[in-house]
Structure formats: C-alpha cells, structure tokens
Amino acid sequence: MTFTLDPISLTNLILSVIILALGIAGYKNSDDKAPLFIGIAFGLFGVSHLMTLLGLKETLAVLLIIIRTIAYVMVAVPLFWIAFKRY
C-alpha cells in the first residue's frame, strides 16, 4: 500500500467529508431523511477516494465499484422521493 498524492482524489475526499457533515446537520435540523441519505452517500464516495489515495484502487477494484454503486443509489433514492413526493 503506497500513498498516492492525487490532487483530484484529495479534493474529492475533502469535499465528500464536508457534504457528509452537511447532510448530517441537515437531518438533525429538519428530521428530513433526504439530506442524511445524500450525506452518507458522499461519505461512501469519500471512502472510495481515500482508498484511491492509499493506492488500493487496483487491488480493491470490485469493492470500489460496489461502494460507488451503493452511493449513487443512495443519492438517487431521496431525489426520487422529492421528485415524486414519496416520503
């Protein structure tokens, strides 16, 4: 495992952590599940960016695909709720 200083992955990691924090704060302030789901999704994106920075991108490629797919679904579900008033 080697640390790879990729500025794009590092920027994405930082922004993902910020969005995770905002999602948690949004949920606490409103009891709306949508910000929480979106925040957790970006937390998962952050995990994938961290794995990339740690040089695990090739070794854990299948796991990264699974993590990112779950994250995309966790963004899409609350957007579906909002778009079609399902919650």
Protein backbone atom coordinates (compact mmCIF):
# COMPACT_ATOMS: atom_id res chain seq x y z
CA MET A 1 0.00 0.00 0.00
CA THR A 2 1.53 3.28 -1.11
CA PHE A 3 0.11 6.75 -0.66
CA THR A 4 -0.55 8.47 -3.97
CA LEU A 5 -0.90 12.25 -3.74
CA ASP A 6 -3.50 12.77 -6.44
CA PRO A 7 -4.88 16.32 -6.09
CA ILE A 8 -8.21 15.38 -7.69
CA SER A 9 -8.84 12.47 -5.31
CA LEU A 10 -7.70 14.56 -2.34
CA THR A 11 -10.05 17.41 -3.30
CA ASN A 12 -12.91 14.95 -3.80
CA LEU A 13 -12.21 13.39 -0.39
CA ILE A 14 -12.29 16.77 1.37
CA LEU A 15 -15.49 17.81 -0.40
CA SER A 16 -17.11 14.45 0.33
CA VAL A 17 -16.41 14.82 4.05
CA ILE A 18 -17.87 18.35 4.01
CA ILE A 19 -21.04 17.14 2.25
CA LEU A 20 -21.32 14.24 4.73
CA ALA A 21 -21.20 16.73 7.61
CA LEU A 22 -23.77 18.99 5.93
CA GLY A 23 -26.06 16.01 5.33
CA ILE A 24 -25.92 15.02 8.99
CA ALA A 25 -26.53 18.62 10.08
CA GLY A 26 -29.43 18.93 7.64
CA TYR A 27 -31.01 15.79 9.04
CA LYS A 28 -30.57 16.92 12.65
CA ASN A 29 -32.08 20.33 11.93
CA SER A 30 -35.05 19.11 9.90
CA ASP A 31 -35.63 15.37 10.59
CA ASP A 32 -35.74 15.02 6.80
CA LYS A 33 -34.11 11.75 5.71
CA ALA A 34 -33.06 13.04 2.27
CA PRO A 35 -30.03 15.08 3.45
CA LEU A 36 -28.91 12.16 5.62
CA PHE A 37 -29.05 9.68 2.72
CA ILE A 38 -27.19 12.07 0.43
CA GLY A 39 -24.62 12.81 3.13
CA ILE A 40 -23.99 9.12 3.77
CA ALA A 41 -23.65 8.55 0.03
CA PHE A 42 -20.95 11.19 -0.16
CA GLY A 43 -19.30 9.60 2.87
CA LEU A 44 -19.11 6.40 0.81
CA PHE A 45 -17.65 8.36 -2.08
CA GLY A 46 -15.10 9.70 0.42
CA VAL A 47 -14.16 6.15 1.40
CA SER A 48 -13.57 5.31 -2.26
CA HIS A 49 -11.41 8.42 -2.73
CA LEU A 50 -9.41 7.53 0.39
CA MET A 51 -8.86 4.00 -0.93
CA THR A 52 -7.60 5.53 -4.18
CA LEU A 53 -5.20 7.82 -2.30
CA LEU A 54 -3.91 4.83 -0.31
CA GLY A 55 -3.06 3.04 -3.55
CA LEU A 56 -5.76 0.38 -3.22
CA LYS A 57 -7.59 1.28 -6.42
CA GLU A 58 -6.40 -1.70 -8.45
CA THR A 59 -6.34 -4.19 -5.59
CA LEU A 60 -9.90 -3.48 -4.46
CA ALA A 61 -11.46 -2.50 -7.78
CA VAL A 62 -14.55 -4.69 -7.32
CA LEU A 63 -15.15 -3.31 -3.83
CA LEU A 64 -14.81 0.25 -5.16
CA ILE A 65 -17.42 -0.47 -7.83
CA ILE A 66 -19.79 -1.83 -5.17
CA ILE A 67 -19.22 1.14 -2.84
CA ARG A 68 -19.74 3.69 -5.61
CA THR A 69 -22.86 1.92 -6.91
CA ILE A 70 -24.40 1.93 -3.43
CA ALA A 71 -23.51 5.61 -3.08
CA TYR A 72 -25.16 6.53 -6.39
CA VAL A 73 -28.32 4.66 -5.36
CA MET A 74 -28.28 6.48 -2.01
CA VAL A 75 -28.29 9.78 -3.89
CA ALA A 76 -30.94 8.68 -6.39
CA VAL A 77 -33.45 7.36 -3.82
CA PRO A 78 -34.03 10.62 -1.92
CA LEU A 79 -34.12 12.54 -5.20
CA PHE A 80 -36.84 10.13 -6.33
CA TRP A 81 -38.70 10.76 -3.04
CA ILE A 82 -38.51 14.50 -3.58
CA ALA A 83 -39.39 14.37 -7.28
CA PHE A 84 -42.43 12.15 -6.76
CA LYS A 85 -43.39 13.15 -3.18
CA ARG A 86 -42.87 9.60 -1.84
CA TYR A 87 -41.96 10.43 1.74
